[in-house]
Amino acid sequence: MARHAGGTGWAIIGRDLGLAPHIARTAAEQQAWLDQRADRAARRAADAAPGHDDATRRRIESQVARGVSRRDAEVEAMQWHDRRRWG
């Protein structure tokens, strides 16, 4: 079985030297790497969303834990954030 399906010998050498971390040794390592990138992208997107600082995120999560729908909690949190920010 090939170590990297569809790849070249250079890809394997680059991976072994640490030059290509996305070329994993196993499917599990590849999936872990993809999951890590997806988590990082989701975190960046959440950080880029207006008003979604830590306090706002905590407020949304506490509302959801109390049974409020996520959409309603986000709307309320954004209104709360605007009141906190603009008075």
PDB file of N, CA and C in Angstrom:
ATOM      1  N   MET A   1       0.847  -1.180   0.000  1.00  0.00           N
ATOM      2  CA  MET A   1       0.000   0.000   0.000  1.00  0.00           C
ATOM      3  C   MET A   1       0.892   1.242   0.000  1.00  0.00           C
ATOM      4  N   ALA A   2       0.530   2.186  -0.829  1.00  0.00           N
ATOM      5  CA  ALA A   2       1.324   3.406  -0.933  1.00  0.00           C
ATOM      6  C   ALA A   2       1.158   4.241   0.331  1.00  0.00           C
ATOM      7  N   ARG A   3       2.215   4.918   0.699  1.00  0.00           N
ATOM      8  CA  ARG A   3       2.160   5.731   1.909  1.00  0.00           C
ATOM      9  C   ARG A   3       1.357   6.998   1.691  1.00  0.00           C
ATOM     10  N   HIS A   4       1.332   7.478   0.444  1.00  0.00           N
ATOM     11  CA  HIS A   4       0.548   8.682   0.155  1.00  0.00           C
ATOM     12  C   HIS A   4      -0.076   8.496  -1.221  1.00  0.00           C
ATOM     13  N   ALA A   5      -1.320   8.099  -1.241  1.00  0.00           N
ATOM     14  CA  ALA A   5      -1.994   7.814  -2.497  1.00  0.00           C
ATOM     15  C   ALA A   5      -2.015   9.041  -3.393  1.00  0.00           C
ATOM     16  N   GLY A   6      -1.575   8.860  -4.627  1.00  0.00           N
ATOM     17  CA  GLY A   6      -1.605   9.955  -5.579  1.00  0.00           C
ATOM     18  C   GLY A   6      -0.453  10.937  -5.423  1.00  0.00           C
ATOM     19  N   GLY A   7       0.381  10.755  -4.445  1.00  0.00           N
ATOM     20  CA  GLY A   7       1.492  11.670  -4.224  1.00  0.00           C
ATOM     21  C   GLY A   7       2.752  11.215  -4.941  1.00  0.00           C
ATOM     22  N   THR A   8       3.770  11.971  -4.764  1.00  0.00           N
ATOM     23  CA  THR A   8       5.049  11.615  -5.366  1.00  0.00           C
ATOM     24  C   THR A   8       6.025  11.268  -4.270  1.00  0.00           C
ATOM     25  N   GLY A   9       7.120  10.721  -4.648  1.00  0.00           N
ATOM     26  CA  GLY A   9       8.176  10.438  -3.686  1.00  0.00           C
ATOM     27  C   GLY A   9       8.641  11.708  -2.993  1.00  0.00           C
ATOM     28  N   TRP A  10       8.611  12.831  -3.736  1.00  0.00           N
ATOM     29  CA  TRP A  10       9.046  14.099  -3.143  1.00  0.00           C
ATOM     30  C   TRP A  10       8.112  14.529  -2.019  1.00  0.00           C
ATOM     31  N   ALA A  11       6.833  14.236  -2.170  1.00  0.00           N
ATOM     32  CA  ALA A  11       5.885  14.588  -1.109  1.00  0.00           C
ATOM     33  C   ALA A  11       6.195  13.811   0.158  1.00  0.00           C
ATOM     34  N   ILE A  12       6.522  12.546  -0.002  1.00  0.00           N
ATOM     35  CA  ILE A  12       6.848  11.719   1.162  1.00  0.00           C
ATOM     36  C   ILE A  12       8.134  12.219   1.810  1.00  0.00           C
ATOM     37  N   ILE A  13       9.131  12.541   1.007  1.00  0.00           N
ATOM     38  CA  ILE A  13      10.389  13.053   1.545  1.00  0.00           C
ATOM     39  C   ILE A  13      10.144  14.386   2.265  1.00  0.00           C
ATOM     40  N   GLY A  14       9.353  15.273   1.647  1.00  0.00           N
ATOM     41  CA  GLY A  14       9.044  16.557   2.274  1.00  0.00           C
ATOM     42  C   GLY A  14       8.313  16.376   3.588  1.00  0.00           C
ATOM     43  N   ARG A  15       7.392  15.416   3.628  1.00  0.00           N
ATOM     44  CA  ARG A  15       6.665  15.138   4.868  1.00  0.00           C
ATOM     45  C   ARG A  15       7.628  14.624   5.928  1.00  0.00           C
ATOM     46  N   ASP A  16       8.498  13.707   5.544  1.00  0.00           N
ATOM     47  CA  ASP A  16       9.436  13.145   6.510  1.00  0.00           C
ATOM     48  C   ASP A  16      10.396  14.197   7.051  1.00  0.00           C
ATOM     49  N   LEU A  17      10.686  15.210   6.265  1.00  0.00           N
ATOM     50  CA  LEU A  17      11.572  16.282   6.716  1.00  0.00           C
ATOM     51  C   LEU A  17      10.820  17.374   7.467  1.00  0.00           C
ATOM     52  N   GLY A  18       9.493  17.241   7.549  1.00  0.00           N
ATOM     53  CA  GLY A  18       8.703  18.249   8.240  1.00  0.00           C
ATOM     54  C   GLY A  18       8.359  19.449   7.386  1.00  0.00           C
ATOM     55  N   LEU A  19       8.588  19.342   6.078  1.00  0.00           N
ATOM     56  CA  LEU A  19       8.324  20.460   5.189  1.00  0.00           C
ATOM     57  C   LEU A  19       6.874  20.501   4.725  1.00  0.00           C
ATOM     58  N   ALA A  20       6.173  19.398   4.864  1.00  0.00           N
ATOM     59  CA  ALA A  20       4.782  19.328   4.411  1.00  0.00           C
ATOM     60  C   ALA A  20       3.936  18.661   5.488  1.00  0.00           C
ATOM     61  N   PRO A  21       3.570  19.395   6.535  1.00  0.00           N
ATOM     62  CA  PRO A  21       2.851  18.783   7.647  1.00  0.00           C
ATOM     63  C   PRO A  21       1.460  18.280   7.268  1.00  0.00           C
ATOM     64  N   HIS A  22       0.894  18.787   6.152  1.00  0.00           N
ATOM     65  CA  HIS A  22      -0.447  18.353   5.757  1.00  0.00           C
ATOM     66  C   HIS A  22      -0.438  16.975   5.105  1.00  0.00           C
ATOM     67  N   ILE A  23       0.724  16.472   4.765  1.00  0.00           N
ATOM     68  CA  ILE A  23       0.809  15.120   4.208  1.00  0.00           C
ATOM     69  C   ILE A  23       1.092  14.186   5.372  1.00  0.00           C
ATOM     70  N   ALA A  24       0.054  13.576   5.872  1.00  0.00           N
ATOM     71  CA  ALA A  24       0.162  12.785   7.094  1.00  0.00           C
ATOM     72  C   ALA A  24       0.588  11.358   6.784  1.00  0.00           C
ATOM     73  N   ARG A  25       1.096  10.696   7.802  1.00  0.00           N
ATOM     74  CA  ARG A  25       1.517   9.305   7.656  1.00  0.00           C
ATOM     75  C   ARG A  25       0.319   8.372   7.573  1.00  0.00           C
ATOM     76  N   THR A  26      -0.734   8.662   8.257  1.00  0.00           N
ATOM     77  CA  THR A  26      -1.902   7.783   8.275  1.00  0.00           C
ATOM     78  C   THR A  26      -3.156   8.607   8.026  1.00  0.00           C
ATOM     79  N   ALA A  27      -4.233   7.903   7.724  1.00  0.00           N
ATOM     80  CA  ALA A  27      -5.503   8.592   7.516  1.00  0.00           C
ATOM     81  C   ALA A  27      -5.951   9.285   8.803  1.00  0.00           C
ATOM     82  N   ALA A  28      -5.689   8.682   9.942  1.00  0.00           N
ATOM     83  CA  ALA A  28      -6.071   9.292  11.227  1.00  0.00           C
ATOM     84  C   ALA A  28      -5.299  10.587  11.458  1.00  0.00           C
ATOM     85  N   GLU A  29      -4.027  10.594  11.147  1.00  0.00           N
ATOM     86  CA  GLU A  29      -3.241  11.822  11.288  1.00  0.00           C
ATOM     87  C   GLU A  29      -3.722  12.887  10.314  1.00  0.00           C
ATOM     88  N   GLN A  30      -4.068  12.457   9.092  1.00  0.00           N
ATOM     89  CA  GLN A  30      -4.582  13.402   8.103  1.00  0.00           C
ATOM     90  C   GLN A  30      -5.881  14.022   8.603  1.00  0.00           C
ATOM     91  N   GLN A  31      -6.776  13.194   9.157  1.00  0.00           N
ATOM     92  CA  GLN A  31      -8.053  13.702   9.659  1.00  0.00           C
ATOM     93  C   GLN A  31      -7.842  14.631  10.848  1.00  0.00           C
ATOM     94  N   ALA A  32      -6.908  14.289  11.725  1.00  0.00           N
ATOM     95  CA  ALA A  32      -6.612  15.149  12.878  1.00  0.00           C
ATOM     96  C   ALA A  32      -6.101  16.506  12.398  1.00  0.00           C
ATOM     97  N   TRP A  33      -5.256  16.501  11.378  1.00  0.00           N
ATOM     98  CA  TRP A  33      -4.721  17.747  10.845  1.00  0.00           C
ATOM     99  C   TRP A  33      -5.842  18.585  10.230  1.00  0.00           C
ATOM    100  N   LEU A  34      -6.742  17.921   9.468  1.00  0.00           N
ATOM    101  CA  LEU A  34      -7.864  18.635   8.860  1.00  0.00           C
ATOM    102  C   LEU A  34      -8.795  19.198   9.932  1.00  0.00           C
ATOM    103  N   ASP A  35      -9.057  18.419  10.981  1.00  0.00           N
ATOM    104  CA  ASP A  35      -9.911  18.881  12.077  1.00  0.00           C
ATOM    105  C   ASP A  35      -9.303  20.097  12.761  1.00  0.00           C
ATOM    106  N   GLN A  36      -7.989  20.047  12.959  1.00  0.00           N
ATOM    107  CA  GLN A  36      -7.293  21.167  13.602  1.00  0.00           C
ATOM    108  C   GLN A  36      -7.423  22.431  12.750  1.00  0.00           C
ATOM    109  N   ARG A  37      -7.267  22.285  11.438  1.00  0.00           N
ATOM    110  CA  ARG A  37      -7.400  23.444  10.545  1.00  0.00           C
ATOM    111  C   ARG A  37      -8.832  23.972  10.548  1.00  0.00           C
ATOM    112  N   ALA A  38      -9.812  23.068  10.568  1.00  0.00           N
ATOM    113  CA  ALA A  38     -11.216  23.503  10.594  1.00  0.00           C
ATOM    114  C   ALA A  38     -11.526  24.238  11.893  1.00  0.00           C
ATOM    115  N   ASP A  39     -11.007  23.727  13.015  1.00  0.00           N
ATOM    116  CA  ASP A  39     -11.214  24.399  14.303  1.00  0.00           C
ATOM    117  C   ASP A  39     -10.599  25.790  14.291  1.00  0.00           C
ATOM    118  N   ARG A  40      -9.395  25.875  13.751  1.00  0.00           N
ATOM    119  CA  ARG A  40      -8.703  27.163  13.686  1.00  0.00           C
ATOM    120  C   ARG A  40      -9.481  28.145  12.806  1.00  0.00           C
ATOM    121  N   ALA A  41      -9.992  27.658  11.673  1.00  0.00           N
ATOM    122  CA  ALA A  41     -10.764  28.524  10.778  1.00  0.00           C
ATOM    123  C   ALA A  41     -12.065  28.975  11.443  1.00  0.00           C
ATOM    124  N   ALA A  42     -12.712  28.075  12.156  1.00  0.00           N
ATOM    125  CA  ALA A  42     -13.957  28.433  12.852  1.00  0.00           C
ATOM    126  C   ALA A  42     -13.688  29.468  13.938  1.00  0.00           C
ATOM    127  N   ARG A  43     -12.579  29.315  14.646  1.00  0.00           N
ATOM    128  CA  ARG A  43     -12.220  30.269  15.693  1.00  0.00           C
ATOM    129  C   ARG A  43     -11.941  31.644  15.081  1.00  0.00           C
ATOM    130  N   ARG A  44     -11.222  31.653  13.938  1.00  0.00           N
ATOM    131  CA  ARG A  44     -10.942  32.930  13.270  1.00  0.00           C
ATOM    132  C   ARG A  44     -12.233  33.591  12.801  1.00  0.00           C
ATOM    133  N   ALA A  45     -13.155  32.786  12.266  1.00  0.00           N
ATOM    134  CA  ALA A  45     -14.428  33.341  11.799  1.00  0.00           C
ATOM    135  C   ALA A  45     -15.232  33.902  12.965  1.00  0.00           C
ATOM    136  N   ALA A  46     -15.224  33.194  14.084  1.00  0.00           N
ATOM    137  CA  ALA A  46     -15.950  33.681  15.268  1.00  0.00           C
ATOM    138  C   ALA A  46     -15.311  34.961  15.795  1.00  0.00           C
ATOM    139  N   ASP A  47     -13.988  35.022  15.750  1.00  0.00           N
ATOM    140  CA  ASP A  47     -13.307  36.224  16.223  1.00  0.00           C
ATOM    141  C   ASP A  47     -13.564  37.405  15.297  1.00  0.00           C
ATOM    142  N   ALA A  48     -13.771  37.131  14.016  1.00  0.00           N
ATOM    143  CA  ALA A  48     -14.002  38.203  13.062  1.00  0.00           C
ATOM    144  C   ALA A  48     -15.438  38.717  13.118  1.00  0.00           C
ATOM    145  N   ALA A  49     -16.349  37.916  13.671  1.00  0.00           N
ATOM    146  CA  ALA A  49     -17.752  38.337  13.760  1.00  0.00           C
ATOM    147  C   ALA A  49     -17.848  39.533  14.703  1.00  0.00           C
ATOM    148  N   PRO A  50     -18.625  40.525  14.325  1.00  0.00           N
ATOM    149  CA  PRO A  50     -18.706  41.721  15.166  1.00  0.00           C
ATOM    150  C   PRO A  50     -19.328  41.418  16.522  1.00  0.00           C
ATOM    151  N   GLY A  51     -18.654  41.856  17.569  1.00  0.00           N
ATOM    152  CA  GLY A  51     -19.213  41.746  18.900  1.00  0.00           C
ATOM    153  C   GLY A  51     -19.045  40.404  19.574  1.00  0.00           C
ATOM    154  N   HIS A  52     -18.447  39.442  18.888  1.00  0.00           N
ATOM    155  CA  HIS A  52     -18.322  38.126  19.501  1.00  0.00           C
ATOM    156  C   HIS A  52     -17.013  38.022  20.287  1.00  0.00           C
ATOM    157  N   ASP A  53     -16.889  38.838  21.293  1.00  0.00           N
ATOM    158  CA  ASP A  53     -15.752  38.729  22.195  1.00  0.00           C
ATOM    159  C   ASP A  53     -16.084  37.657  23.238  1.00  0.00           C
ATOM    160  N   ASP A  54     -15.184  37.432  24.163  1.00  0.00           N
ATOM    161  CA  ASP A  54     -15.389  36.369  25.158  1.00  0.00           C
ATOM    162  C   ASP A  54     -16.644  36.586  25.992  1.00  0.00           C
ATOM    163  N   ALA A  55     -16.899  37.813  26.409  1.00  0.00           N
ATOM    164  CA  ALA A  55     -18.077  38.083  27.242  1.00  0.00           C
ATOM    165  C   ALA A  55     -19.360  37.789  26.476  1.00  0.00           C
ATOM    166  N   THR A  56     -19.385  38.162  25.201  1.00  0.00           N
ATOM    167  CA  THR A  56     -20.580  37.916  24.391  1.00  0.00           C
ATOM    168  C   THR A  56     -20.769  36.428  24.174  1.00  0.00           C
ATOM    169  N   ARG A  57     -19.670  35.711  23.884  1.00  0.00           N
ATOM    170  CA  ARG A  57     -19.772  34.258  23.694  1.00  0.00           C
ATOM    171  C   ARG A  57     -20.267  33.580  24.973  1.00  0.00           C
ATOM    172  N   ARG A  58     -19.748  34.001  26.121  1.00  0.00           N
ATOM    173  CA  ARG A  58     -20.201  33.410  27.391  1.00  0.00           C
ATOM    174  C   ARG A  58     -21.680  33.678  27.602  1.00  0.00           C
ATOM    175  N   ARG A  59     -22.119  34.877  27.256  1.00  0.00           N
ATOM    176  CA  ARG A  59     -23.530  35.227  27.414  1.00  0.00           C
ATOM    177  C   ARG A  59     -24.404  34.346  26.514  1.00  0.00           C
ATOM    178  N   ILE A  60     -23.984  34.148  25.273  1.00  0.00           N
ATOM    179  CA  ILE A  60     -24.736  33.292  24.354  1.00  0.00           C
ATOM    180  C   ILE A  60     -24.802  31.864  24.891  1.00  0.00           C
ATOM    181  N   GLU A  61     -23.657  31.324  25.318  1.00  0.00           N
ATOM    182  CA  GLU A  61     -23.629  29.945  25.816  1.00  0.00           C
ATOM    183  C   GLU A  61     -24.487  29.775  27.063  1.00  0.00           C
ATOM    184  N   SER A  62     -24.506  30.765  27.946  1.00  0.00           N
ATOM    185  CA  SER A  62     -25.321  30.644  29.157  1.00  0.00           C
ATOM    186  C   SER A  62     -26.808  30.685  28.808  1.00  0.00           C
ATOM    187  N   GLN A  63     -27.168  31.493  27.817  1.00  0.00           N
ATOM    188  CA  GLN A  63     -28.564  31.544  27.376  1.00  0.00           C
ATOM    189  C   GLN A  63     -28.976  30.210  26.764  1.00  0.00           C
ATOM    190  N   VAL A  64     -28.117  29.634  25.930  1.00  0.00           N
ATOM    191  CA  VAL A  64     -28.421  28.352  25.288  1.00  0.00           C
ATOM    192  C   VAL A  64     -28.541  27.252  26.343  1.00  0.00           C
ATOM    193  N   ALA A  65     -27.688  27.309  27.357  1.00  0.00           N
ATOM    194  CA  ALA A  65     -27.745  26.307  28.433  1.00  0.00           C
ATOM    195  C   ALA A  65     -29.072  26.400  29.195  1.00  0.00           C
ATOM    196  N   ARG A  66     -29.658  27.597  29.223  1.00  0.00           N
ATOM    197  CA  ARG A  66     -30.951  27.784  29.907  1.00  0.00           C
ATOM    198  C   ARG A  66     -32.138  27.422  29.026  1.00  0.00           C
ATOM    199  N   GLY A  67     -31.878  27.015  27.781  1.00  0.00           N
ATOM    200  CA  GLY A  67     -32.950  26.560  26.911  1.00  0.00           C
ATOM    201  C   GLY A  67     -33.407  27.548  25.857  1.00  0.00           C
ATOM    202  N   VAL A  68     -32.738  28.696  25.765  1.00  0.00           N
ATOM    203  CA  VAL A  68     -33.080  29.684  24.744  1.00  0.00           C
ATOM    204  C   VAL A  68     -32.467  29.219  23.423  1.00  0.00           C
ATOM    205  N   SER A  69     -33.170  29.428  22.321  1.00  0.00           N
ATOM    206  CA  SER A  69     -32.609  29.023  21.024  1.00  0.00           C
ATOM    207  C   SER A  69     -31.340  29.831  20.757  1.00  0.00           C
ATOM    208  N   ARG A  70     -30.421  29.219  20.031  1.00  0.00           N
ATOM    209  CA  ARG A  70     -29.135  29.882  19.758  1.00  0.00           C
ATOM    210  C   ARG A  70     -29.363  31.190  19.001  1.00  0.00           C
ATOM    211  N   ARG A  71     -30.272  31.191  18.048  1.00  0.00           N
ATOM    212  CA  ARG A  71     -30.533  32.401  17.272  1.00  0.00           C
ATOM    213  C   ARG A  71     -31.033  33.529  18.176  1.00  0.00           C
ATOM    214  N   ASP A  72     -32.005  33.216  19.033  1.00  0.00           N
ATOM    215  CA  ASP A  72     -32.521  34.242  19.946  1.00  0.00           C
ATOM    216  C   ASP A  72     -31.437  34.713  20.910  1.00  0.00           C
ATOM    217  N   ALA A  73     -30.610  33.780  21.367  1.00  0.00           N
ATOM    218  CA  ALA A  73     -29.529  34.147  22.286  1.00  0.00           C
ATOM    219  C   ALA A  73     -28.521  35.052  21.596  1.00  0.00           C
ATOM    220  N   GLU A  74     -28.223  34.785  20.325  1.00  0.00           N
ATOM    221  CA  GLU A  74     -27.270  35.623  19.601  1.00  0.00           C
ATOM    222  C   GLU A  74     -27.834  37.025  19.368  1.00  0.00           C
ATOM    223  N   VAL A  75     -29.125  37.101  19.030  1.00  0.00           N
ATOM    224  CA  VAL A  75     -29.750  38.409  18.825  1.00  0.00           C
ATOM    225  C   VAL A  75     -29.717  39.212  20.123  1.00  0.00           C
ATOM    226  N   GLU A  76     -30.109  38.570  21.222  1.00  0.00           N
ATOM    227  CA  GLU A  76     -30.113  39.249  22.518  1.00  0.00           C
ATOM    228  C   GLU A  76     -28.694  39.654  22.917  1.00  0.00           C
ATOM    229  N   ALA A  77     -27.738  38.782  22.672  1.00  0.00           N
ATOM    230  CA  ALA A  77     -26.348  39.083  23.037  1.00  0.00           C
ATOM    231  C   ALA A  77     -25.810  40.259  22.224  1.00  0.00           C
ATOM    232  N   MET A  78     -26.170  40.324  20.949  1.00  0.00           N
ATOM    233  CA  MET A  78     -25.701  41.443  20.139  1.00  0.00           C
ATOM    234  C   MET A  78     -26.332  42.753  20.613  1.00  0.00           C
ATOM    235  N   GLN A  79     -27.611  42.693  21.001  1.00  0.00           N
ATOM    236  CA  GLN A  79     -28.256  43.897  21.547  1.00  0.00           C
ATOM    237  C   GLN A  79     -27.589  44.294  22.861  1.00  0.00           C
ATOM    238  N   TRP A  80     -27.298  43.306  23.695  1.00  0.00           N
ATOM    239  CA  TRP A  80     -26.614  43.560  24.961  1.00  0.00           C
ATOM    240  C   TRP A  80     -25.242  44.161  24.699  1.00  0.00           C
ATOM    241  N   HIS A  81     -24.552  43.603  23.709  1.00  0.00           N
ATOM    242  CA  HIS A  81     -23.217  44.089  23.370  1.00  0.00           C
ATOM    243  C   HIS A  81     -23.285  45.542  22.893  1.00  0.00           C
ATOM    244  N   ASP A  82     -24.272  45.845  22.057  1.00  0.00           N
ATOM    245  CA  ASP A  82     -24.416  47.220  21.566  1.00  0.00           C
ATOM    246  C   ASP A  82     -24.728  48.191  22.706  1.00  0.00           C
ATOM    247  N   ARG A  83     -25.607  47.788  23.627  1.00  0.00           N
ATOM    248  CA  ARG A  83     -25.911  48.650  24.777  1.00  0.00           C
ATOM    249  C   ARG A  83     -24.662  48.865  25.628  1.00  0.00           C
ATOM    250  N   ARG A  84     -23.894  47.789  25.819  1.00  0.00           N
ATOM    251  CA  ARG A  84     -22.680  47.892  26.622  1.00  0.00           C
ATOM    252  C   ARG A  84     -21.657  48.789  25.936  1.00  0.00           C
ATOM    253  N   ARG A  85     -21.589  48.691  24.620  1.00  0.00           N
ATOM    254  CA  ARG A  85     -20.591  49.447  23.878  1.00  0.00           C
ATOM    255  C   ARG A  85     -20.995  50.903  23.659  1.00  0.00           C
ATOM    256  N   TRP A  86     -22.244  51.139  23.284  1.00  0.00           N
ATOM    257  CA  TRP A  86     -22.668  52.479  22.890  1.00  0.00           C
ATOM    258  C   TRP A  86     -23.521  53.198  23.928  1.00  0.00           C
ATOM    259  N   GLY A  87     -23.870  52.487  24.998  1.00  0.00           N
ATOM    260  CA  GLY A  87     -24.591  53.161  26.076  1.00  0.00           C
ATOM    261  C   GLY A  87     -26.063  53.134  26.010  1.00  0.00           C
TER     262      GLY A  87
END
